[in-house]
All heavy atoms as atom14 arrays in JSON, in Angstrom:
{
  "sequence": "LELDSGRQTEWFEPDYGFGSGALRVGTVQVGVSTELLATRRQDILW",
  "atom14_mask": [
    [1, 1, 1, 1, 1, 1, 1, 1, 0, 0, 0, 0, 0, 0],
    [1, 1, 1, 1, 1, 1, 1, 1, 1, 0, 0, 0, 0, 0],
    [1, 1, 1, 1, 1, 1, 1, 1, 0, 0, 0, 0, 0, 0],
    [1, 1, 1, 1, 1, 1, 1, 1, 0, 0, 0, 0, 0, 0],
    [1, 1, 1, 1, 1, 1, 0, 0, 0, 0, 0, 0, 0, 0],
    [1, 1, 1, 1, 0, 0, 0, 0, 0, 0, 0, 0, 0, 0],
    [1, 1, 1, 1, 1, 1, 1, 1, 1, 1, 1, 0, 0, 0],
    [1, 1, 1, 1, 1, 1, 1, 1, 1, 0, 0, 0, 0, 0],
    [1, 1, 1, 1, 1, 1, 1, 0, 0, 0, 0, 0, 0, 0],
    [1, 1, 1, 1, 1, 1, 1, 1, 1, 0, 0, 0, 0, 0],
    [1, 1, 1, 1, 1, 1, 1, 1, 1, 1, 1, 1, 1, 1],
    [1, 1, 1, 1, 1, 1, 1, 1, 1, 1, 1, 0, 0, 0],
    [1, 1, 1, 1, 1, 1, 1, 1, 1, 0, 0, 0, 0, 0],
    [1, 1, 1, 1, 1, 1, 1, 0, 0, 0, 0, 0, 0, 0],
    [1, 1, 1, 1, 1, 1, 1, 1, 0, 0, 0, 0, 0, 0],
    [1, 1, 1, 1, 1, 1, 1, 1, 1, 1, 1, 1, 0, 0],
    [1, 1, 1, 1, 0, 0, 0, 0, 0, 0, 0, 0, 0, 0],
    [1, 1, 1, 1, 1, 1, 1, 1, 1, 1, 1, 0, 0, 0],
    [1, 1, 1, 1, 0, 0, 0, 0, 0, 0, 0, 0, 0, 0],
    [1, 1, 1, 1, 1, 1, 0, 0, 0, 0, 0, 0, 0, 0],
    [1, 1, 1, 1, 0, 0, 0, 0, 0, 0, 0, 0, 0, 0],
    [1, 1, 1, 1, 1, 0, 0, 0, 0, 0, 0, 0, 0, 0],
    [1, 1, 1, 1, 1, 1, 1, 1, 0, 0, 0, 0, 0, 0],
    [1, 1, 1, 1, 1, 1, 1, 1, 1, 1, 1, 0, 0, 0],
    [1, 1, 1, 1, 1, 1, 1, 0, 0, 0, 0, 0, 0, 0],
    [1, 1, 1, 1, 0, 0, 0, 0, 0, 0, 0, 0, 0, 0],
    [1, 1, 1, 1, 1, 1, 1, 0, 0, 0, 0, 0, 0, 0],
    [1, 1, 1, 1, 1, 1, 1, 0, 0, 0, 0, 0, 0, 0],
    [1, 1, 1, 1, 1, 1, 1, 1, 1, 0, 0, 0, 0, 0],
    [1, 1, 1, 1, 1, 1, 1, 0, 0, 0, 0, 0, 0, 0],
    [1, 1, 1, 1, 0, 0, 0, 0, 0, 0, 0, 0, 0, 0],
    [1, 1, 1, 1, 1, 1, 1, 0, 0, 0, 0, 0, 0, 0],
    [1, 1, 1, 1, 1, 1, 0, 0, 0, 0, 0, 0, 0, 0],
    [1, 1, 1, 1, 1, 1, 1, 0, 0, 0, 0, 0, 0, 0],
    [1, 1, 1, 1, 1, 1, 1, 1, 1, 0, 0, 0, 0, 0],
    [1, 1, 1, 1, 1, 1, 1, 1, 0, 0, 0, 0, 0, 0],
    [1, 1, 1, 1, 1, 1, 1, 1, 0, 0, 0, 0, 0, 0],
    [1, 1, 1, 1, 1, 0, 0, 0, 0, 0, 0, 0, 0, 0],
    [1, 1, 1, 1, 1, 1, 1, 0, 0, 0, 0, 0, 0, 0],
    [1, 1, 1, 1, 1, 1, 1, 1, 1, 1, 1, 0, 0, 0],
    [1, 1, 1, 1, 1, 1, 1, 1, 1, 1, 1, 0, 0, 0],
    [1, 1, 1, 1, 1, 1, 1, 1, 1, 0, 0, 0, 0, 0],
    [1, 1, 1, 1, 1, 1, 1, 1, 0, 0, 0, 0, 0, 0],
    [1, 1, 1, 1, 1, 1, 1, 1, 0, 0, 0, 0, 0, 0],
    [1, 1, 1, 1, 1, 1, 1, 1, 0, 0, 0, 0, 0, 0],
    [1, 1, 1, 1, 1, 1, 1, 1, 1, 1, 1, 1, 1, 1]
  ],
  "atom14_positions": [
    [[-145.78, -14.9, -34.11], [-146.82, -15.72, -34.8], [-146.29, -16.12, -36.21], [-145.96, -15.33, -37.04], [-148.11, -14.8, -34.97], [-149.3, -15.53, -35.59], [-149.73, -16.77, -34.8], [-150.45, -14.53, -35.77], [0.0, 0.0, 0.0], [0.0, 0.0, 0.0], [0.0, 0.0, 0.0], [0.0, 0.0, 0.0], [0.0, 0.0, 0.0], [0.0, 0.0, 0.0]],
    [[-146.31, -17.4, -36.41], [-145.9, -17.95, -37.81], [-147.15, -18.36, -38.53], [-147.77, -19.41, -38.1], [-144.92, -19.08, -37.62], [-143.62, -18.63, -37.0], [-142.64, -19.84, -36.87], [-143.01, -20.96, -37.27], [-141.52, -19.61, -36.36], [0.0, 0.0, 0.0], [0.0, 0.0, 0.0], [0.0, 0.0, 0.0], [0.0, 0.0, 0.0], [0.0, 0.0, 0.0]],
    [[-147.57, -17.56, -39.59], [-148.86, -17.9, -40.28], [-148.65, -19.04, -41.29], [-149.49, -19.93, -41.41], [-149.39, -16.67, -41.0], [-149.74, -15.51, -40.12], [-150.24, -14.33, -40.92], [-150.79, -15.92, -39.11], [0.0, 0.0, 0.0], [0.0, 0.0, 0.0], [0.0, 0.0, 0.0], [0.0, 0.0, 0.0], [0.0, 0.0, 0.0], [0.0, 0.0, 0.0]],
    [[-147.54, -18.99, -42.08], [-147.33, -20.02, -43.08], [-145.84, -20.21, -43.2], [-145.14, -19.31, -43.69], [-147.93, -19.63, -44.42], [-147.87, -20.78, -45.47], [-147.42, -21.91, -45.02], [-148.26, -20.55, -46.56], [0.0, 0.0, 0.0], [0.0, 0.0, 0.0], [0.0, 0.0, 0.0], [0.0, 0.0, 0.0], [0.0, 0.0, 0.0], [0.0, 0.0, 0.0]],
    [[-145.45, -21.33, -42.88], [-143.95, -21.53, -42.91], [-143.4, -21.7, -44.28], [-142.2, -21.58, -44.47], [-143.65, -22.77, -42.06], [-144.33, -23.91, -42.58], [0.0, 0.0, 0.0], [0.0, 0.0, 0.0], [0.0, 0.0, 0.0], [0.0, 0.0, 0.0], [0.0, 0.0, 0.0], [0.0, 0.0, 0.0], [0.0, 0.0, 0.0], [0.0, 0.0, 0.0]],
    [[-144.34, -21.87, -45.39], [-143.79, -22.07, -46.68], [-143.82, -20.78, -47.58], [-143.42, -20.86, -48.72], [0.0, 0.0, 0.0], [0.0, 0.0, 0.0], [0.0, 0.0, 0.0], [0.0, 0.0, 0.0], [0.0, 0.0, 0.0], [0.0, 0.0, 0.0], [0.0, 0.0, 0.0], [0.0, 0.0, 0.0], [0.0, 0.0, 0.0], [0.0, 0.0, 0.0]],
    [[-144.25, -19.71, -47.07], [-144.33, -18.48, -47.84], [-142.94, -17.86, -47.96], [-142.13, -17.97, -47.07], [-145.24, -17.48, -47.16], [-146.71, -17.9, -47.22], [-147.49, -16.85, -46.52], [-147.3, -15.58, -47.11], [-147.71, -14.44, -46.63], [-148.33, -14.41, -45.46], [-147.51, -13.26, -47.24], [0.0, 0.0, 0.0], [0.0, 0.0, 0.0], [0.0, 0.0, 0.0]],
    [[-142.77, -17.2, -49.12], [-141.53, -16.58, -49.4], [-141.45, -15.18, -48.69], [-140.39, -14.79, -48.22], [-141.28, -16.38, -50.9], [-141.24, -17.73, -51.59], [-140.02, -18.54, -51.24], [-138.96, -17.98, -51.0], [-140.17, -19.86, -51.23], [0.0, 0.0, 0.0], [0.0, 0.0, 0.0], [0.0, 0.0, 0.0], [0.0, 0.0, 0.0], [0.0, 0.0, 0.0]],
    [[-142.59, -14.51, -48.8], [-142.63, -13.26, -48.15], [-143.78, -13.18, -47.18], [-144.83, -13.84, -47.41], [-142.83, -12.13, -49.22], [-144.09, -12.38, -49.95], [-141.67, -12.12, -50.22], [0.0, 0.0, 0.0], [0.0, 0.0, 0.0], [0.0, 0.0, 0.0], [0.0, 0.0, 0.0], [0.0, 0.0, 0.0], [0.0, 0.0, 0.0], [0.0, 0.0, 0.0]],
    [[-143.49, -12.62, -46.1], [-144.58, -12.54, -45.03], [-145.07, -11.11, -45.01], [-144.29, -10.12, -44.95], [-143.96, -12.88, -43.69], [-143.52, -14.37, -43.64], [-143.0, -14.76, -42.3], [-143.08, -13.93, -41.31], [-142.51, -15.93, -42.07], [0.0, 0.0, 0.0], [0.0, 0.0, 0.0], [0.0, 0.0, 0.0], [0.0, 0.0, 0.0], [0.0, 0.0, 0.0]],
    [[-146.41, -11.01, -45.09], [-147.04, -9.68, -45.09], [-147.1, -9.11, -43.7], [-147.18, -7.92, -43.58], [-148.41, -9.83, -45.72], [-149.38, -10.67, -44.96], [-149.55, -11.96, -45.08], [-150.2, -10.23, -43.97], [-150.45, -12.47, -44.23], [-150.9, -11.38, -43.49], [-150.51, -8.98, -43.32], [-151.86, -11.31, -42.5], [-151.46, -8.94, -42.32], [-152.11, -10.12, -41.87]],
    [[-146.94, -9.96, -42.7], [-147.09, -9.45, -41.34], [-145.79, -9.75, -40.6], [-145.67, -10.85, -40.03], [-148.32, -10.03, -40.65], [-148.52, -9.44, -39.28], [-149.04, -8.19, -39.22], [-148.21, -10.16, -38.15], [-149.25, -7.61, -37.98], [-148.43, -9.54, -36.93], [-148.93, -8.29, -36.83], [0.0, 0.0, 0.0], [0.0, 0.0, 0.0], [0.0, 0.0, 0.0]],
    [[-144.94, -8.88, -40.72], [-143.67, -9.07, -39.96], [-143.18, -7.69, -39.6], [-143.43, -6.73, -40.28], [-142.62, -9.78, -40.81], [-142.38, -9.18, -42.21], [-141.34, -9.92, -43.01], [-141.35, -11.25, -42.86], [-140.5, -9.35, -43.61], [0.0, 0.0, 0.0], [0.0, 0.0, 0.0], [0.0, 0.0, 0.0], [0.0, 0.0, 0.0], [0.0, 0.0, 0.0]],
    [[-142.6, -7.62, -38.49], [-142.26, -6.3, -37.92], [-141.2, -5.59, -38.82], [-140.31, -6.26, -39.3], [-141.74, -6.63, -36.54], [-141.32, -8.08, -36.59], [-142.17, -8.71, -37.65], [0.0, 0.0, 0.0], [0.0, 0.0, 0.0], [0.0, 0.0, 0.0], [0.0, 0.0, 0.0], [0.0, 0.0, 0.0], [0.0, 0.0, 0.0], [0.0, 0.0, 0.0]],
    [[-141.38, -4.34, -38.79], [-140.41, -3.59, -39.55], [-139.56, -2.68, -38.65], [-138.88, -1.83, -39.15], [-141.19, -2.67, -40.62], [-141.9, -3.49, -41.66], [-141.41, -4.62, -41.91], [-142.88, -3.07, -42.13], [0.0, 0.0, 0.0], [0.0, 0.0, 0.0], [0.0, 0.0, 0.0], [0.0, 0.0, 0.0], [0.0, 0.0, 0.0], [0.0, 0.0, 0.0]],
    [[-139.75, -2.96, -37.27], [-139.09, -1.98, -36.4], [-137.79, -2.58, -35.85], [-137.34, -2.18, -34.84], [-140.0, -1.59, -35.25], [-140.97, -2.66, -34.77], [-140.49, -3.67, -33.97], [-142.29, -2.62, -35.19], [-141.37, -4.62, -33.56], [-143.14, -3.58, -34.79], [-142.65, -4.59, -33.97], [-143.54, -5.57, -33.58], [0.0, 0.0, 0.0], [0.0, 0.0, 0.0]],
    [[-137.26, -3.56, -36.52], [-135.91, -3.96, -36.21], [-135.79, -4.98, -35.09], [-134.71, -5.3, -34.68], [0.0, 0.0, 0.0], [0.0, 0.0, 0.0], [0.0, 0.0, 0.0], [0.0, 0.0, 0.0], [0.0, 0.0, 0.0], [0.0, 0.0, 0.0], [0.0, 0.0, 0.0], [0.0, 0.0, 0.0], [0.0, 0.0, 0.0], [0.0, 0.0, 0.0]],
    [[-136.88, -5.52, -34.44], [-136.72, -6.55, -33.41], [-136.49, -7.9, -33.99], [-136.92, -8.22, -35.1], [-138.04, -6.58, -32.54], [-138.21, -5.39, -31.7], [-139.1, -4.39, -32.1], [-137.52, -5.24, -30.5], [-139.23, -3.25, -31.3], [-137.68, -4.1, -29.73], [-138.53, -3.09, -30.1], [0.0, 0.0, 0.0], [0.0, 0.0, 0.0], [0.0, 0.0, 0.0]],
    [[-135.86, -8.76, -33.22], [-135.67, -10.12, -33.68], [-136.91, -10.95, -33.6], [-137.96, -10.45, -33.26], [0.0, 0.0, 0.0], [0.0, 0.0, 0.0], [0.0, 0.0, 0.0], [0.0, 0.0, 0.0], [0.0, 0.0, 0.0], [0.0, 0.0, 0.0], [0.0, 0.0, 0.0], [0.0, 0.0, 0.0], [0.0, 0.0, 0.0], [0.0, 0.0, 0.0]],
    [[-136.82, -12.21, -33.93], [-137.94, -13.12, -33.89], [-138.19, -13.76, -32.56], [-139.01, -14.64, -32.48], [-137.72, -14.21, -34.95], [-136.56, -14.94, -34.65], [0.0, 0.0, 0.0], [0.0, 0.0, 0.0], [0.0, 0.0, 0.0], [0.0, 0.0, 0.0], [0.0, 0.0, 0.0], [0.0, 0.0, 0.0], [0.0, 0.0, 0.0], [0.0, 0.0, 0.0]],
    [[-137.46, -13.39, -31.43], [-137.67, -13.99, -30.04], [-138.92, -13.46, -29.42], [-139.63, -12.63, -29.88], [0.0, 0.0, 0.0], [0.0, 0.0, 0.0], [0.0, 0.0, 0.0], [0.0, 0.0, 0.0], [0.0, 0.0, 0.0], [0.0, 0.0, 0.0], [0.0, 0.0, 0.0], [0.0, 0.0, 0.0], [0.0, 0.0, 0.0], [0.0, 0.0, 0.0]],
    [[-139.29, -14.11, -28.26], [-140.48, -13.74, -27.49], [-140.29, -12.4, -26.8], [-139.18, -12.01, -26.44], [-140.73, -14.77, -26.37], [0.0, 0.0, 0.0], [0.0, 0.0, 0.0], [0.0, 0.0, 0.0], [0.0, 0.0, 0.0], [0.0, 0.0, 0.0], [0.0, 0.0, 0.0], [0.0, 0.0, 0.0], [0.0, 0.0, 0.0], [0.0, 0.0, 0.0]],
    [[-141.42, -11.76, -26.64], [-141.39, -10.4, -26.09], [-142.11, -10.45, -24.72], [-143.23, -10.93, -24.66], [-142.13, -9.46, -27.05], [-142.15, -8.01, -26.55], [-140.77, -7.43, -26.49], [-143.07, -7.21, -27.53], [0.0, 0.0, 0.0], [0.0, 0.0, 0.0], [0.0, 0.0, 0.0], [0.0, 0.0, 0.0], [0.0, 0.0, 0.0], [0.0, 0.0, 0.0]],
    [[-141.46, -9.95, -23.62], [-142.03, -9.91, -22.28], [-143.02, -8.76, -22.22], [-142.67, -7.65, -22.5], [-140.99, -9.72, -21.25], [-141.57, -9.83, -19.79], [-140.44, -9.74, -18.79], [-139.94, -8.37, -18.72], [-140.52, -7.41, -17.95], [-141.53, -7.66, -17.24], [-139.99, -6.17, -17.98], [0.0, 0.0, 0.0], [0.0, 0.0, 0.0], [0.0, 0.0, 0.0]],
    [[-144.23, -9.12, -21.87], [-145.3, -8.11, -21.84], [-145.78, -7.88, -20.39], [-146.59, -7.02, -20.14], [-146.48, -8.48, -22.69], [-146.08, -8.55, -24.15], [-147.09, -9.83, -22.33], [0.0, 0.0, 0.0], [0.0, 0.0, 0.0], [0.0, 0.0, 0.0], [0.0, 0.0, 0.0], [0.0, 0.0, 0.0], [0.0, 0.0, 0.0], [0.0, 0.0, 0.0]],
    [[-145.37, -8.71, -19.41], [-145.77, -8.52, -18.03], [-145.28, -9.7, -17.14], [-144.52, -10.56, -17.56], [0.0, 0.0, 0.0], [0.0, 0.0, 0.0], [0.0, 0.0, 0.0], [0.0, 0.0, 0.0], [0.0, 0.0, 0.0], [0.0, 0.0, 0.0], [0.0, 0.0, 0.0], [0.0, 0.0, 0.0], [0.0, 0.0, 0.0], [0.0, 0.0, 0.0]],
    [[-145.75, -9.68, -15.91], [-145.35, -10.66, -14.91], [-146.58, -11.06, -14.1], [-147.41, -10.28, -13.7], [-144.31, -10.06, -13.89], [-143.2, -9.59, -14.67], [-143.88, -11.07, -12.91], [0.0, 0.0, 0.0], [0.0, 0.0, 0.0], [0.0, 0.0, 0.0], [0.0, 0.0, 0.0], [0.0, 0.0, 0.0], [0.0, 0.0, 0.0], [0.0, 0.0, 0.0]],
    [[-146.66, -12.35, -13.84], [-147.71, -12.91, -12.98], [-147.08, -13.43, -11.7], [-146.06, -14.04, -11.73], [-148.51, -14.01, -13.67], [-147.67, -15.19, -14.12], [-149.63, -14.53, -12.8], [0.0, 0.0, 0.0], [0.0, 0.0, 0.0], [0.0, 0.0, 0.0], [0.0, 0.0, 0.0], [0.0, 0.0, 0.0], [0.0, 0.0, 0.0], [0.0, 0.0, 0.0]],
    [[-147.65, -13.07, -10.57], [-147.18, -13.43, -9.19], [-148.23, -14.23, -8.48], [-149.38, -13.79, -8.44], [-146.78, -12.19, -8.4], [-145.58, -11.45, -8.97], [-145.2, -10.24, -8.16], [-146.12, -9.64, -7.52], [-143.94, -9.86, -8.2], [0.0, 0.0, 0.0], [0.0, 0.0, 0.0], [0.0, 0.0, 0.0], [0.0, 0.0, 0.0], [0.0, 0.0, 0.0]],
    [[-147.82, -15.35, -7.91], [-148.74, -16.17, -7.1], [-148.25, -16.11, -5.61], [-147.13, -16.48, -5.32], [-148.79, -17.65, -7.6], [-149.69, -18.48, -6.72], [-149.25, -17.66, -9.03], [0.0, 0.0, 0.0], [0.0, 0.0, 0.0], [0.0, 0.0, 0.0], [0.0, 0.0, 0.0], [0.0, 0.0, 0.0], [0.0, 0.0, 0.0], [0.0, 0.0, 0.0]],
    [[-149.07, -15.61, -4.73], [-148.73, -15.53, -3.34], [-149.39, -16.57, -2.47], [-150.6, -16.73, -2.51], [0.0, 0.0, 0.0], [0.0, 0.0, 0.0], [0.0, 0.0, 0.0], [0.0, 0.0, 0.0], [0.0, 0.0, 0.0], [0.0, 0.0, 0.0], [0.0, 0.0, 0.0], [0.0, 0.0, 0.0], [0.0, 0.0, 0.0], [0.0, 0.0, 0.0]],
    [[-148.52, -17.39, -1.85], [-149.07, -18.5, -0.96], [-148.72, -18.1, 0.52], [-147.53, -17.76, 0.84], [-148.39, -19.81, -1.33], [-148.88, -20.95, -0.39], [-148.67, -20.14, -2.79], [0.0, 0.0, 0.0], [0.0, 0.0, 0.0], [0.0, 0.0, 0.0], [0.0, 0.0, 0.0], [0.0, 0.0, 0.0], [0.0, 0.0, 0.0], [0.0, 0.0, 0.0]],
    [[-149.65, -18.17, 1.37], [-149.44, -17.86, 2.74], [-148.53, -18.87, 3.46], [-148.62, -20.08, 3.22], [-150.81, -17.85, 3.49], [-150.57, -17.53, 4.86], [0.0, 0.0, 0.0], [0.0, 0.0, 0.0], [0.0, 0.0, 0.0], [0.0, 0.0, 0.0], [0.0, 0.0, 0.0], [0.0, 0.0, 0.0], [0.0, 0.0, 0.0], [0.0, 0.0, 0.0]],
    [[-147.6, -18.34, 4.25], [-146.68, -19.21, 4.97], [-147.45, -20.04, 5.99], [-146.98, -21.12, 6.47], [-145.56, -18.42, 5.64], [-146.2, -17.42, 6.49], [-144.72, -17.79, 4.62], [0.0, 0.0, 0.0], [0.0, 0.0, 0.0], [0.0, 0.0, 0.0], [0.0, 0.0, 0.0], [0.0, 0.0, 0.0], [0.0, 0.0, 0.0], [0.0, 0.0, 0.0]],
    [[-148.61, -19.6, 6.49], [-149.38, -20.33, 7.49], [-149.91, -21.61, 6.89], [-150.17, -22.6, 7.62], [-150.54, -19.47, 7.97], [-150.08, -18.25, 8.77], [-151.28, -17.42, 9.23], [-152.4, -17.8, 8.91], [-151.06, -16.45, 9.97], [0.0, 0.0, 0.0], [0.0, 0.0, 0.0], [0.0, 0.0, 0.0], [0.0, 0.0, 0.0], [0.0, 0.0, 0.0]],
    [[-150.09, -21.67, 5.58], [-150.58, -22.87, 4.96], [-149.52, -24.02, 5.13], [-149.92, -25.1, 5.48], [-150.78, -22.6, 3.47], [-151.26, -23.82, 2.63], [-152.61, -24.33, 3.08], [-151.31, -23.45, 1.13], [0.0, 0.0, 0.0], [0.0, 0.0, 0.0], [0.0, 0.0, 0.0], [0.0, 0.0, 0.0], [0.0, 0.0, 0.0], [0.0, 0.0, 0.0]],
    [[-148.25, -23.67, 4.98], [-147.24, -24.7, 5.14], [-147.12, -25.11, 6.62], [-146.96, -26.29, 6.93], [-145.87, -24.17, 4.7], [-144.69, -25.11, 4.83], [-144.96, -26.39, 3.94], [-143.43, -24.43, 4.35], [0.0, 0.0, 0.0], [0.0, 0.0, 0.0], [0.0, 0.0, 0.0], [0.0, 0.0, 0.0], [0.0, 0.0, 0.0], [0.0, 0.0, 0.0]],
    [[-147.33, -24.14, 7.57], [-147.27, -24.5, 8.96], [-148.44, -25.38, 9.35], [-148.3, -26.32, 10.11], [-147.28, -23.21, 9.77], [0.0, 0.0, 0.0], [0.0, 0.0, 0.0], [0.0, 0.0, 0.0], [0.0, 0.0, 0.0], [0.0, 0.0, 0.0], [0.0, 0.0, 0.0], [0.0, 0.0, 0.0], [0.0, 0.0, 0.0], [0.0, 0.0, 0.0]],
    [[-149.63, -25.08, 8.8], [-150.81, -25.91, 9.09], [-150.58, -27.3, 8.53], [-150.9, -28.3, 9.18], [-152.05, -25.33, 8.45], [-152.25, -23.97, 8.99], [-153.28, -26.12, 8.74], [0.0, 0.0, 0.0], [0.0, 0.0, 0.0], [0.0, 0.0, 0.0], [0.0, 0.0, 0.0], [0.0, 0.0, 0.0], [0.0, 0.0, 0.0], [0.0, 0.0, 0.0]],
    [[-150.02, -27.36, 7.32], [-149.76, -28.7, 6.74], [-148.69, -29.45, 7.56], [-148.84, -30.66, 7.78], [-149.2, -28.48, 5.32], [-148.94, -29.76, 4.56], [-150.26, -30.47, 4.24], [-150.03, -31.69, 3.49], [-149.84, -31.76, 2.18], [-149.87, -30.65, 1.47], [-149.68, -32.95, 1.61], [0.0, 0.0, 0.0], [0.0, 0.0, 0.0], [0.0, 0.0, 0.0]],
    [[-147.73, -28.75, 8.07], [-146.71, -29.38, 8.89], [-147.34, -29.89, 10.23], [-147.04, -31.01, 10.67], [-145.59, -28.33, 9.24], [-144.43, -28.99, 10.01], [-143.42, -27.96, 10.41], [-142.83, -27.3, 9.31], [-143.03, -25.97, 8.95], [-143.82, -25.23, 9.74], [-142.48, -25.41, 7.9], [0.0, 0.0, 0.0], [0.0, 0.0, 0.0], [0.0, 0.0, 0.0]],
    [[-148.22, -29.12, 10.85], [-148.86, -29.6, 12.05], [-149.74, -30.83, 11.82], [-149.74, -31.71, 12.67], [-149.69, -28.42, 12.64], [-150.29, -28.71, 14.02], [-151.02, -27.45, 14.6], [-151.12, -26.46, 13.88], [-151.44, -27.57, 15.81], [0.0, 0.0, 0.0], [0.0, 0.0, 0.0], [0.0, 0.0, 0.0], [0.0, 0.0, 0.0], [0.0, 0.0, 0.0]],
    [[-150.51, -30.81, 10.7], [-151.33, -31.98, 10.42], [-150.45, -33.19, 10.22], [-150.77, -34.27, 10.7], [-152.07, -31.68, 9.12], [-153.15, -30.6, 9.32], [-153.53, -30.34, 10.51], [-153.6, -30.01, 8.31], [0.0, 0.0, 0.0], [0.0, 0.0, 0.0], [0.0, 0.0, 0.0], [0.0, 0.0, 0.0], [0.0, 0.0, 0.0], [0.0, 0.0, 0.0]],
    [[-149.33, -33.01, 9.55], [-148.43, -34.15, 9.33], [-147.92, -34.69, 10.65], [-147.85, -35.9, 10.93], [-147.27, -33.77, 8.41], [-147.79, -33.52, 7.01], [-146.19, -34.82, 8.39], [-146.76, -32.94, 6.07], [0.0, 0.0, 0.0], [0.0, 0.0, 0.0], [0.0, 0.0, 0.0], [0.0, 0.0, 0.0], [0.0, 0.0, 0.0], [0.0, 0.0, 0.0]],
    [[-147.49, -33.8, 11.62], [-146.95, -34.17, 12.83], [-148.03, -34.98, 13.66], [-147.77, -35.99, 14.28], [-146.45, -32.98, 13.62], [-145.16, -32.34, 13.11], [-144.84, -31.06, 13.88], [-144.01, -33.32, 13.16], [0.0, 0.0, 0.0], [0.0, 0.0, 0.0], [0.0, 0.0, 0.0], [0.0, 0.0, 0.0], [0.0, 0.0, 0.0], [0.0, 0.0, 0.0]],
    [[-149.23, -34.41, 13.69], [-150.31, -35.05, 14.55], [-150.65, -36.42, 13.97], [-150.85, -37.43, 14.72], [-151.54, -34.17, 14.61], [-151.41, -33.07, 15.6], [-151.29, -31.73, 15.38], [-151.4, -33.28, 16.99], [-151.23, -31.05, 16.52], [-151.28, -31.97, 17.6], [-151.48, -34.33, 17.87], [-151.19, -31.76, 18.95], [-151.42, -34.15, 19.22], [-151.25, -32.87, 19.75]]
  ]
}
């Protein structure tokens, strides 16, 4: 989080030695049924 890009000192910055990159906090998974593609394929064929 960048609060003010013109400040000389930032009051909220980590002190535990991590860099300024993004931090992975979890994973989201989307499951799509393979039957959906088969149904779509059948509709296209017909």
